[in-house]
Amino acid sequence: MPELRRVAVNGVELNVALDGAGPAVLLLHGFPHTWELWRQIMAGLADRYTVIAPDLRGFGASSRAASGYDAGTLADDAAALLAELGVSGAAVIAIDAGTPPAFLLAMRRPDLVRQLVVMESLLGRLPGAEDFLAAGAPWWFGFHAVPGLAEHVLSGNEARYIAWFLTAGTLGEGATPRIRDAFVRAFTGREALRCAFSYYRALPESAAQIEQAVADGRLTVPTMAVGAHPVGAALENQLRPITDDLTGRRIEDCGHIIPLHRPRALLDLLRPFLAG
């Protein structure tokens, strides 16, 4: 069982799950997740690695911060967490909203990121995602982005809303009652929802940070982009022109929330990549 620890970093307290022993692997979740997204992945890696899975700022049992939901601040949170844990380098694995901060961490601190794995997300306005965005961004991006609206509308209806994302994101498979209940608890109440939707409200700032990082240099750490449904190859296409060492992989018949829907297939990709 993972150990849970509270770690003070960058002006907030993060709730962090730790397991295993060996080289460090940092896991960054997205929406509507907590560290528990990674339970099966942690179990599959803990025999060889020290696995570190925080609740991101504002999510789960971490501090409900008033601000700091842009990708750059989240990357600073991750760097500070590794420093507080005495980790000088880690492989970083991220999905969804965790991907932009993981990318910025690797761009800004290549000395700290041994390898990078990113999944089912886009990197701001970088070229390569035009086909995916041909019909526009997913509907909830606009809904979540309006300050105060989504938390007002959804208060009291969190369970049904979160269940929709879990069902869609696993194509109806993989989200056990334990996971569903944990995620619903984490996103119940207007303050919890405000923090979650603050990620979407910071997307323009995060996009500008990503563009500046790309203008300043290339992604030099070994990187793997993993696609499923619906993002597919869009993230790989964004990374290809700016990355020195990129591996692209696709998991077929898999929904957006890969660690829940196809954990064994994901572990089959992670183990050789991390070992390399």
C-alpha atoms as a PDB file:
ATOM      1  CA  MET A   1       0.000   0.000   0.000  1.00  0.00           C
ATOM      2  CA  PRO A   2       1.311   3.484  -0.789  1.00  0.00           C
ATOM      3  CA  GLU A   3       2.329   5.732   2.069  1.00  0.00           C
ATOM      4  CA  LEU A   4       0.496   9.069   2.179  1.00  0.00           C
ATOM      5  CA  ARG A   5       2.473  12.135   3.198  1.00  0.00           C
ATOM      6  CA  ARG A   6       1.843  15.888   3.257  1.00  0.00           C
ATOM      7  CA  VAL A   7       4.683  17.898   1.768  1.00  0.00           C
ATOM      8  CA  ALA A   8       4.934  21.696   1.897  1.00  0.00           C
ATOM      9  CA  VAL A   9       6.084  23.115  -1.449  1.00  0.00           C
ATOM     10  CA  ASN A  10       5.852  26.452  -3.230  1.00  0.00           C
ATOM     11  CA  GLY A  11       3.351  27.952  -0.787  1.00  0.00           C
ATOM     12  CA  VAL A  12       0.958  24.965  -0.672  1.00  0.00           C
ATOM     13  CA  GLU A  13       0.759  21.534   0.930  1.00  0.00           C
ATOM     14  CA  LEU A  14       0.564  18.587  -1.433  1.00  0.00           C
ATOM     15  CA  ASN A  15      -0.930  15.244  -0.503  1.00  0.00           C
ATOM     16  CA  VAL A  16       1.571  12.713  -1.873  1.00  0.00           C
ATOM     17  CA  ALA A  17       1.428   8.928  -2.256  1.00  0.00           C
ATOM     18  CA  LEU A  18       4.779   7.115  -2.228  1.00  0.00           C
ATOM     19  CA  ASP A  19       5.627   3.488  -2.870  1.00  0.00           C
ATOM     20  CA  GLY A  20       8.536   1.271  -3.826  1.00  0.00           C
ATOM     21  CA  ALA A  21      12.295   1.722  -3.931  1.00  0.00           C
ATOM     22  CA  GLY A  22      14.794   2.623  -6.631  1.00  0.00           C
ATOM     23  CA  PRO A  23      15.056   5.454  -9.172  1.00  0.00           C
ATOM     24  CA  ALA A  24      12.286   8.003  -8.800  1.00  0.00           C
ATOM     25  CA  VAL A  25       9.211   8.151 -11.022  1.00  0.00           C
ATOM     26  CA  LEU A  26       6.892  11.145 -10.644  1.00  0.00           C
ATOM     27  CA  LEU A  27       3.251  10.724 -11.726  1.00  0.00           C
ATOM     28  CA  LEU A  28       1.079  13.765 -12.540  1.00  0.00           C
ATOM     29  CA  HIS A  29      -2.680  13.243 -12.956  1.00  0.00           C
ATOM     30  CA  GLY A  30      -5.321  15.366 -14.687  1.00  0.00           C
ATOM     31  CA  PHE A  31      -9.052  16.124 -14.371  1.00  0.00           C
ATOM     32  CA  PRO A  32     -11.161  14.715 -12.764  1.00  0.00           C
ATOM     33  CA  HIS A  33      -8.512  12.620 -11.047  1.00  0.00           C
ATOM     34  CA  THR A  34      -6.452  12.398  -7.876  1.00  0.00           C
ATOM     35  CA  TRP A  35      -3.277  10.421  -7.181  1.00  0.00           C
ATOM     36  CA  GLU A  36      -5.516   7.325  -7.031  1.00  0.00           C
ATOM     37  CA  LEU A  37      -5.659   7.352 -10.824  1.00  0.00           C
ATOM     38  CA  TRP A  38      -2.222   5.727 -10.661  1.00  0.00           C
ATOM     39  CA  ARG A  39      -2.879   2.893  -8.162  1.00  0.00           C
ATOM     40  CA  GLN A  40      -2.400   0.060 -10.665  1.00  0.00           C
ATOM     41  CA  ILE A  41       0.556   1.788 -12.329  1.00  0.00           C
ATOM     42  CA  MET A  42       2.227   2.328  -8.960  1.00  0.00           C
ATOM     43  CA  ALA A  43       1.738  -1.329  -8.085  1.00  0.00           C
ATOM     44  CA  GLY A  44       3.292  -2.319 -11.407  1.00  0.00           C
ATOM     45  CA  LEU A  45       6.376  -0.105 -10.992  1.00  0.00           C
ATOM     46  CA  ALA A  46       7.087  -0.193  -7.264  1.00  0.00           C
ATOM     47  CA  ASP A  47       9.247  -3.315  -7.474  1.00  0.00           C
ATOM     48  CA  ARG A  48      11.911  -1.309  -9.347  1.00  0.00           C
ATOM     49  CA  TYR A  49      11.181   2.361  -8.713  1.00  0.00           C
ATOM     50  CA  THR A  50      10.312   4.847  -6.023  1.00  0.00           C
ATOM     51  CA  VAL A  51       6.940   6.030  -7.279  1.00  0.00           C
ATOM     52  CA  ILE A  52       5.731   9.506  -6.283  1.00  0.00           C
ATOM     53  CA  ALA A  53       2.122  10.471  -7.007  1.00  0.00           C
ATOM     54  CA  PRO A  54       0.889  13.826  -5.675  1.00  0.00           C
ATOM     55  CA  ASP A  55      -2.560  15.286  -5.716  1.00  0.00           C
ATOM     56  CA  LEU A  56      -1.921  18.379  -7.815  1.00  0.00           C
ATOM     57  CA  ARG A  57      -2.445  21.811  -6.280  1.00  0.00           C
ATOM     58  CA  GLY A  58      -6.131  22.244  -5.482  1.00  0.00           C
ATOM     59  CA  PHE A  59      -7.042  18.611  -6.192  1.00  0.00           C
ATOM     60  CA  GLY A  60      -7.829  15.781  -3.776  1.00  0.00           C
ATOM     61  CA  ALA A  61      -6.367  16.390  -0.332  1.00  0.00           C
ATOM     62  CA  SER A  62      -3.855  19.041  -1.467  1.00  0.00           C
ATOM     63  CA  SER A  63      -4.270  22.711  -0.543  1.00  0.00           C
ATOM     64  CA  ARG A  64      -7.187  24.584  -2.101  1.00  0.00           C
ATOM     65  CA  ALA A  65      -4.930  27.345  -3.360  1.00  0.00           C
ATOM     66  CA  ALA A  66      -6.379  30.674  -4.431  1.00  0.00           C
ATOM     67  CA  SER A  67      -4.126  30.811  -7.514  1.00  0.00           C
ATOM     68  CA  GLY A  68      -1.215  29.123  -9.250  1.00  0.00           C
ATOM     69  CA  TYR A  69      -3.034  26.799 -11.650  1.00  0.00           C
ATOM     70  CA  ASP A  70      -0.970  27.722 -14.707  1.00  0.00           C
ATOM     71  CA  ALA A  71       1.406  25.092 -16.068  1.00  0.00           C
ATOM     72  CA  GLY A  72       4.506  27.022 -15.028  1.00  0.00           C
ATOM     73  CA  THR A  73       3.519  27.185 -11.361  1.00  0.00           C
ATOM     74  CA  LEU A  74       2.523  23.517 -11.409  1.00  0.00           C
ATOM     75  CA  ALA A  75       5.943  22.678 -12.864  1.00  0.00           C
ATOM     76  CA  ASP A  76       7.506  24.641 -10.000  1.00  0.00           C
ATOM     77  CA  ASP A  77       5.370  22.637  -7.551  1.00  0.00           C
ATOM     78  CA  ALA A  78       6.720  19.407  -9.040  1.00  0.00           C
ATOM     79  CA  ALA A  79      10.341  20.566  -8.890  1.00  0.00           C
ATOM     80  CA  ALA A  80       9.920  21.710  -5.294  1.00  0.00           C
ATOM     81  CA  LEU A  81       8.297  18.398  -4.360  1.00  0.00           C
ATOM     82  CA  LEU A  82      11.244  16.432  -5.716  1.00  0.00           C
ATOM     83  CA  ALA A  83      13.641  18.721  -3.845  1.00  0.00           C
ATOM     84  CA  GLU A  84      11.732  18.293  -0.569  1.00  0.00           C
ATOM     85  CA  LEU A  85      11.853  14.513  -1.015  1.00  0.00           C
ATOM     86  CA  GLY A  86      15.602  14.636  -1.670  1.00  0.00           C
ATOM     87  CA  VAL A  87      15.235  13.457  -5.275  1.00  0.00           C
ATOM     88  CA  SER A  88      17.861  14.778  -7.693  1.00  0.00           C
ATOM     89  CA  GLY A  89      16.300  13.284 -10.832  1.00  0.00           C
ATOM     90  CA  ALA A  90      13.130  11.471 -11.873  1.00  0.00           C
ATOM     91  CA  ALA A  91      11.262  10.050 -14.798  1.00  0.00           C
ATOM     92  CA  VAL A  92       8.058  12.079 -15.153  1.00  0.00           C
ATOM     93  CA  ILE A  93       4.813  10.516 -16.377  1.00  0.00           C
ATOM     94  CA  ALA A  94       1.763  12.712 -16.954  1.00  0.00           C
ATOM     95  CA  ILE A  95      -1.717  12.654 -18.437  1.00  0.00           C
ATOM     96  CA  ASP A  96      -4.328  15.255 -19.323  1.00  0.00           C
ATOM     97  CA  ALA A  97      -3.890  18.444 -17.224  1.00  0.00           C
ATOM     98  CA  GLY A  98      -0.637  17.040 -15.821  1.00  0.00           C
ATOM     99  CA  THR A  99       1.002  17.045 -19.258  1.00  0.00           C
ATOM    100  CA  PRO A 100       1.682  20.803 -19.749  1.00  0.00           C
ATOM    101  CA  PRO A 101       3.451  21.169 -16.371  1.00  0.00           C
ATOM    102  CA  ALA A 102       5.424  17.975 -17.007  1.00  0.00           C
ATOM    103  CA  PHE A 103       6.481  19.353 -20.385  1.00  0.00           C
ATOM    104  CA  LEU A 104       7.540  22.689 -18.888  1.00  0.00           C
ATOM    105  CA  LEU A 105       9.443  20.924 -16.119  1.00  0.00           C
ATOM    106  CA  ALA A 106      11.398  18.946 -18.726  1.00  0.00           C
ATOM    107  CA  MET A 107      12.032  22.072 -20.815  1.00  0.00           C
ATOM    108  CA  ARG A 108      13.147  24.222 -17.897  1.00  0.00           C
ATOM    109  CA  ARG A 109      14.903  21.559 -15.815  1.00  0.00           C
ATOM    110  CA  PRO A 110      16.303  18.858 -18.103  1.00  0.00           C
ATOM    111  CA  ASP A 111      18.816  18.138 -15.335  1.00  0.00           C
ATOM    112  CA  LEU A 112      15.904  17.026 -13.143  1.00  0.00           C
ATOM    113  CA  VAL A 113      13.879  14.996 -15.675  1.00  0.00           C
ATOM    114  CA  ARG A 114      15.489  11.696 -16.634  1.00  0.00           C
ATOM    115  CA  GLN A 115      12.707  10.697 -19.064  1.00  0.00           C
ATOM    116  CA  LEU A 116       9.311  12.125 -19.949  1.00  0.00           C
ATOM    117  CA  VAL A 117       6.077  10.265 -20.750  1.00  0.00           C
ATOM    118  CA  VAL A 118       3.026  12.338 -21.703  1.00  0.00           C
ATOM    119  CA  MET A 119      -0.455  11.142 -22.579  1.00  0.00           C
ATOM    120  CA  GLU A 120      -3.798  12.304 -23.933  1.00  0.00           C
ATOM    121  CA  SER A 121      -3.351  16.059 -23.787  1.00  0.00           C
ATOM    122  CA  LEU A 122      -2.433  19.010 -25.954  1.00  0.00           C
ATOM    123  CA  LEU A 123       0.367  21.508 -25.472  1.00  0.00           C
ATOM    124  CA  GLY A 124      -1.305  24.885 -25.790  1.00  0.00           C
ATOM    125  CA  ARG A 125      -1.410  26.299 -29.297  1.00  0.00           C
ATOM    126  CA  LEU A 126       1.599  24.411 -30.694  1.00  0.00           C
ATOM    127  CA  PRO A 127       1.115  23.222 -34.305  1.00  0.00           C
ATOM    128  CA  GLY A 128       0.162  19.614 -34.912  1.00  0.00           C
ATOM    129  CA  ALA A 129      -3.283  19.329 -33.342  1.00  0.00           C
ATOM    130  CA  GLU A 130      -5.263  20.889 -36.186  1.00  0.00           C
ATOM    131  CA  ASP A 131      -7.051  17.672 -37.156  1.00  0.00           C
ATOM    132  CA  PHE A 132      -8.052  16.958 -33.572  1.00  0.00           C
ATOM    133  CA  LEU A 133      -9.356  20.514 -33.143  1.00  0.00           C
ATOM    134  CA  ALA A 134     -11.082  20.739 -36.537  1.00  0.00           C
ATOM    135  CA  ALA A 135     -14.500  20.674 -34.890  1.00  0.00           C
ATOM    136  CA  GLY A 136     -13.391  22.874 -32.005  1.00  0.00           C
ATOM    137  CA  ALA A 137     -12.183  22.113 -28.489  1.00  0.00           C
ATOM    138  CA  PRO A 138     -14.210  19.653 -26.351  1.00  0.00           C
ATOM    139  CA  TRP A 139     -17.409  21.300 -25.091  1.00  0.00           C
ATOM    140  CA  TRP A 140     -16.447  21.337 -21.418  1.00  0.00           C
ATOM    141  CA  PHE A 141     -13.395  23.543 -22.009  1.00  0.00           C
ATOM    142  CA  GLY A 142     -15.605  26.567 -22.611  1.00  0.00           C
ATOM    143  CA  PHE A 143     -18.005  25.628 -19.803  1.00  0.00           C
ATOM    144  CA  HIS A 144     -15.204  25.268 -17.256  1.00  0.00           C
ATOM    145  CA  ALA A 145     -13.433  28.428 -18.386  1.00  0.00           C
ATOM    146  CA  VAL A 146     -16.187  30.898 -17.395  1.00  0.00           C
ATOM    147  CA  PRO A 147     -15.331  32.130 -13.878  1.00  0.00           C
ATOM    148  CA  GLY A 148     -17.874  30.974 -11.317  1.00  0.00           C
ATOM    149  CA  LEU A 149     -20.313  29.371 -13.761  1.00  0.00           C
ATOM    150  CA  ALA A 150     -19.526  25.652 -13.715  1.00  0.00           C
ATOM    151  CA  GLU A 151     -19.159  25.377  -9.938  1.00  0.00           C
ATOM    152  CA  HIS A 152     -22.499  27.171  -9.481  1.00  0.00           C
ATOM    153  CA  VAL A 153     -24.307  24.925 -11.960  1.00  0.00           C
ATOM    154  CA  LEU A 154     -22.720  21.671 -10.794  1.00  0.00           C
ATOM    155  CA  SER A 155     -22.899  22.046  -7.002  1.00  0.00           C
ATOM    156  CA  GLY A 156     -25.033  19.182  -5.753  1.00  0.00           C
ATOM    157  CA  ASN A 157     -24.626  17.273  -9.017  1.00  0.00           C
ATOM    158  CA  GLU A 158     -20.943  16.403  -8.793  1.00  0.00           C
ATOM    159  CA  ALA A 159     -21.399  12.620  -8.695  1.00  0.00           C
ATOM    160  CA  ARG A 160     -23.305  12.487 -11.972  1.00  0.00           C
ATOM    161  CA  TYR A 161     -20.872  14.866 -13.681  1.00  0.00           C
ATOM    162  CA  ILE A 162     -17.744  12.985 -12.589  1.00  0.00           C
ATOM    163  CA  ALA A 163     -19.356   9.666 -13.516  1.00  0.00           C
ATOM    164  CA  TRP A 164     -19.907  10.948 -17.057  1.00  0.00           C
ATOM    165  CA  PHE A 165     -16.194  11.735 -17.457  1.00  0.00           C
ATOM    166  CA  LEU A 166     -15.175   8.356 -16.045  1.00  0.00           C
ATOM    167  CA  THR A 167     -17.575   6.468 -18.303  1.00  0.00           C
ATOM    168  CA  ALA A 168     -16.542   8.417 -21.407  1.00  0.00           C
ATOM    169  CA  GLY A 169     -12.858   8.251 -20.503  1.00  0.00           C
ATOM    170  CA  THR A 170     -12.784   4.486 -20.077  1.00  0.00           C
ATOM    171  CA  LEU A 171     -15.354   3.629 -22.768  1.00  0.00           C
ATOM    172  CA  GLY A 172     -17.503   2.252 -19.964  1.00  0.00           C
ATOM    173  CA  GLU A 173     -14.759   0.065 -18.483  1.00  0.00           C
ATOM    174  CA  GLY A 174     -12.098   0.383 -15.802  1.00  0.00           C
ATOM    175  CA  ALA A 175     -13.594   2.850 -13.322  1.00  0.00           C
ATOM    176  CA  THR A 176     -14.263   0.727 -10.230  1.00  0.00           C
ATOM    177  CA  PRO A 177     -16.706   1.914  -7.559  1.00  0.00           C
ATOM    178  CA  ARG A 178     -13.736   2.657  -5.290  1.00  0.00           C
ATOM    179  CA  ILE A 179     -12.133   4.947  -7.858  1.00  0.00           C
ATOM    180  CA  ARG A 180     -15.432   6.577  -8.769  1.00  0.00           C
ATOM    181  CA  ASP A 181     -16.237   7.295  -5.124  1.00  0.00           C
ATOM    182  CA  ALA A 182     -12.738   8.660  -4.455  1.00  0.00           C
ATOM    183  CA  PHE A 183     -12.940  11.046  -7.391  1.00  0.00           C
ATOM    184  CA  VAL A 184     -16.456  12.176  -6.488  1.00  0.00           C
ATOM    185  CA  ARG A 185     -15.362  12.943  -2.922  1.00  0.00           C
ATOM    186  CA  ALA A 186     -12.410  14.918  -4.252  1.00  0.00           C
ATOM    187  CA  PHE A 187     -14.575  17.109  -6.489  1.00  0.00           C
ATOM    188  CA  THR A 188     -17.609  17.686  -4.281  1.00  0.00           C
ATOM    189  CA  GLY A 189     -18.287  21.249  -3.138  1.00  0.00           C
ATOM    190  CA  ARG A 190     -17.945  24.630  -4.785  1.00  0.00           C
ATOM    191  CA  GLU A 191     -14.381  25.206  -3.570  1.00  0.00           C
ATOM    192  CA  ALA A 192     -13.167  21.851  -4.880  1.00  0.00           C
ATOM    193  CA  LEU A 193     -14.820  22.567  -8.214  1.00  0.00           C
ATOM    194  CA  ARG A 194     -13.368  26.090  -8.353  1.00  0.00           C
ATOM    195  CA  CYS A 195      -9.865  24.705  -7.959  1.00  0.00           C
ATOM    196  CA  ALA A 196     -10.409  22.079 -10.645  1.00  0.00           C
ATOM    197  CA  PHE A 197     -11.802  24.562 -13.133  1.00  0.00           C
ATOM    198  CA  SER A 198      -9.000  27.019 -12.383  1.00  0.00           C
ATOM    199  CA  TYR A 199      -6.782  24.796 -14.538  1.00  0.00           C
ATOM    200  CA  TYR A 200      -9.011  25.565 -17.517  1.00  0.00           C
ATOM    201  CA  ARG A 201      -9.151  29.268 -16.667  1.00  0.00           C
ATOM    202  CA  ALA A 202      -5.349  29.370 -16.689  1.00  0.00           C
ATOM    203  CA  LEU A 203      -5.044  27.726 -20.119  1.00  0.00           C
ATOM    204  CA  PRO A 204      -4.210  30.971 -21.993  1.00  0.00           C
ATOM    205  CA  GLU A 205      -1.394  31.698 -19.540  1.00  0.00           C
ATOM    206  CA  SER A 206      -0.168  28.111 -19.769  1.00  0.00           C
ATOM    207  CA  ALA A 207      -0.216  28.275 -23.585  1.00  0.00           C
ATOM    208  CA  ALA A 208       1.920  31.419 -23.516  1.00  0.00           C
ATOM    209  CA  GLN A 209       4.392  29.718 -21.170  1.00  0.00           C
ATOM    210  CA  ILE A 210       4.640  26.725 -23.500  1.00  0.00           C
ATOM    211  CA  GLU A 211       5.231  28.955 -26.526  1.00  0.00           C
ATOM    212  CA  GLN A 212       7.974  30.830 -24.666  1.00  0.00           C
ATOM    213  CA  ALA A 213       9.661  27.584 -23.628  1.00  0.00           C
ATOM    214  CA  VAL A 214       9.677  26.371 -27.244  1.00  0.00           C
ATOM    215  CA  ALA A 215      11.036  29.713 -28.418  1.00  0.00           C
ATOM    216  CA  ASP A 216      13.877  29.368 -25.891  1.00  0.00           C
ATOM    217  CA  GLY A 217      14.983  25.840 -26.823  1.00  0.00           C
ATOM    218  CA  ARG A 218      14.172  22.228 -27.633  1.00  0.00           C
ATOM    219  CA  LEU A 219      12.974  19.290 -25.562  1.00  0.00           C
ATOM    220  CA  THR A 220      16.144  17.269 -25.083  1.00  0.00           C
ATOM    221  CA  VAL A 221      15.149  14.511 -22.644  1.00  0.00           C
ATOM    222  CA  PRO A 222      14.027  11.109 -23.991  1.00  0.00           C
ATOM    223  CA  THR A 223      10.261  11.432 -24.433  1.00  0.00           C
ATOM    224  CA  MET A 224       7.374   9.088 -25.164  1.00  0.00           C
ATOM    225  CA  ALA A 225       3.957  10.376 -26.278  1.00  0.00           C
ATOM    226  CA  VAL A 226       1.128   7.897 -25.716  1.00  0.00           C
ATOM    227  CA  GLY A 227      -2.209   8.367 -27.462  1.00  0.00           C
ATOM    228  CA  ALA A 228      -5.586   6.699 -27.165  1.00  0.00           C
ATOM    229  CA  HIS A 229      -9.111   7.988 -27.787  1.00  0.00           C
ATOM    230  CA  PRO A 230      -9.771  10.815 -28.479  1.00  0.00           C
ATOM    231  CA  VAL A 231      -6.425  12.651 -28.645  1.00  0.00           C
ATOM    232  CA  GLY A 232      -4.623   9.951 -30.606  1.00  0.00           C
ATOM    233  CA  ALA A 233      -1.497  11.196 -32.378  1.00  0.00           C
ATOM    234  CA  ALA A 234      -2.144  14.920 -31.862  1.00  0.00           C
ATOM    235  CA  LEU A 235       0.252  15.269 -28.920  1.00  0.00           C
ATOM    236  CA  GLU A 236       2.961  13.327 -30.740  1.00  0.00           C
ATOM    237  CA  ASN A 237       2.460  15.603 -33.749  1.00  0.00           C
ATOM    238  CA  GLN A 238       2.947  18.675 -31.567  1.00  0.00           C
ATOM    239  CA  LEU A 239       6.108  17.270 -30.011  1.00  0.00           C
ATOM    240  CA  ARG A 240       7.758  15.863 -33.149  1.00  0.00           C
ATOM    241  CA  PRO A 241       9.261  19.127 -34.501  1.00  0.00           C
ATOM    242  CA  ILE A 242      10.613  20.307 -31.127  1.00  0.00           C
ATOM    243  CA  THR A 243      11.897  17.093 -29.513  1.00  0.00           C
ATOM    244  CA  ASP A 244      15.310  15.511 -29.970  1.00  0.00           C
ATOM    245  CA  ASP A 245      14.395  11.961 -28.871  1.00  0.00           C
ATOM    246  CA  LEU A 246      10.691  11.133 -29.298  1.00  0.00           C
ATOM    247  CA  THR A 247       8.884   7.795 -29.294  1.00  0.00           C
ATOM    248  CA  GLY A 248       5.227   7.765 -30.320  1.00  0.00           C
ATOM    249  CA  ARG A 249       2.873   5.013 -29.185  1.00  0.00           C
ATOM    250  CA  ARG A 250      -0.872   4.398 -29.557  1.00  0.00           C
ATOM    251  CA  ILE A 251      -2.986   2.112 -27.368  1.00  0.00           C
ATOM    252  CA  GLU A 252      -5.889   0.820 -29.439  1.00  0.00           C
ATOM    253  CA  ASP A 253      -9.408   0.311 -28.084  1.00  0.00           C
ATOM    254  CA  CYS A 254      -8.552   2.543 -25.162  1.00  0.00           C
ATOM    255  CA  GLY A 255     -10.321   5.552 -23.742  1.00  0.00           C
ATOM    256  CA  HIS A 256      -8.802   8.838 -22.630  1.00  0.00           C
ATOM    257  CA  ILE A 257      -8.106   7.748 -19.033  1.00  0.00           C
ATOM    258  CA  ILE A 258      -5.442   5.221 -19.993  1.00  0.00           C
ATOM    259  CA  PRO A 259      -4.259   4.258 -16.452  1.00  0.00           C
ATOM    260  CA  LEU A 260      -7.811   3.159 -15.587  1.00  0.00           C
ATOM    261  CA  HIS A 261      -8.896   1.687 -18.899  1.00  0.00           C
ATOM    262  CA  ARG A 262      -5.778  -0.160 -20.066  1.00  0.00           C
ATOM    263  CA  PRO A 263      -3.270  -0.220 -17.168  1.00  0.00           C
ATOM    264  CA  ARG A 264      -1.549  -3.420 -18.328  1.00  0.00           C
ATOM    265  CA  ALA A 265      -1.044  -2.063 -21.840  1.00  0.00           C
ATOM    266  CA  LEU A 266       0.362   1.145 -20.377  1.00  0.00           C
ATOM    267  CA  LEU A 267       2.737  -0.760 -18.110  1.00  0.00           C
ATOM    268  CA  ASP A 268       3.910  -2.769 -21.119  1.00  0.00           C
ATOM    269  CA  LEU A 269       4.983   0.533 -22.695  1.00  0.00           C
ATOM    270  CA  LEU A 270       6.384   2.117 -19.535  1.00  0.00           C
ATOM    271  CA  ARG A 271       8.625  -0.671 -18.295  1.00  0.00           C
ATOM    272  CA  PRO A 272      10.963  -0.927 -21.324  1.00  0.00           C
ATOM    273  CA  PHE A 273      10.991   2.829 -21.836  1.00  0.00           C
ATOM    274  CA  LEU A 274      11.950   3.537 -18.221  1.00  0.00           C
ATOM    275  CA  ALA A 275      14.520   0.739 -18.253  1.00  0.00           C
ATOM    276  CA  GLY A 276      16.129   2.249 -21.340  1.00  0.00           C
END
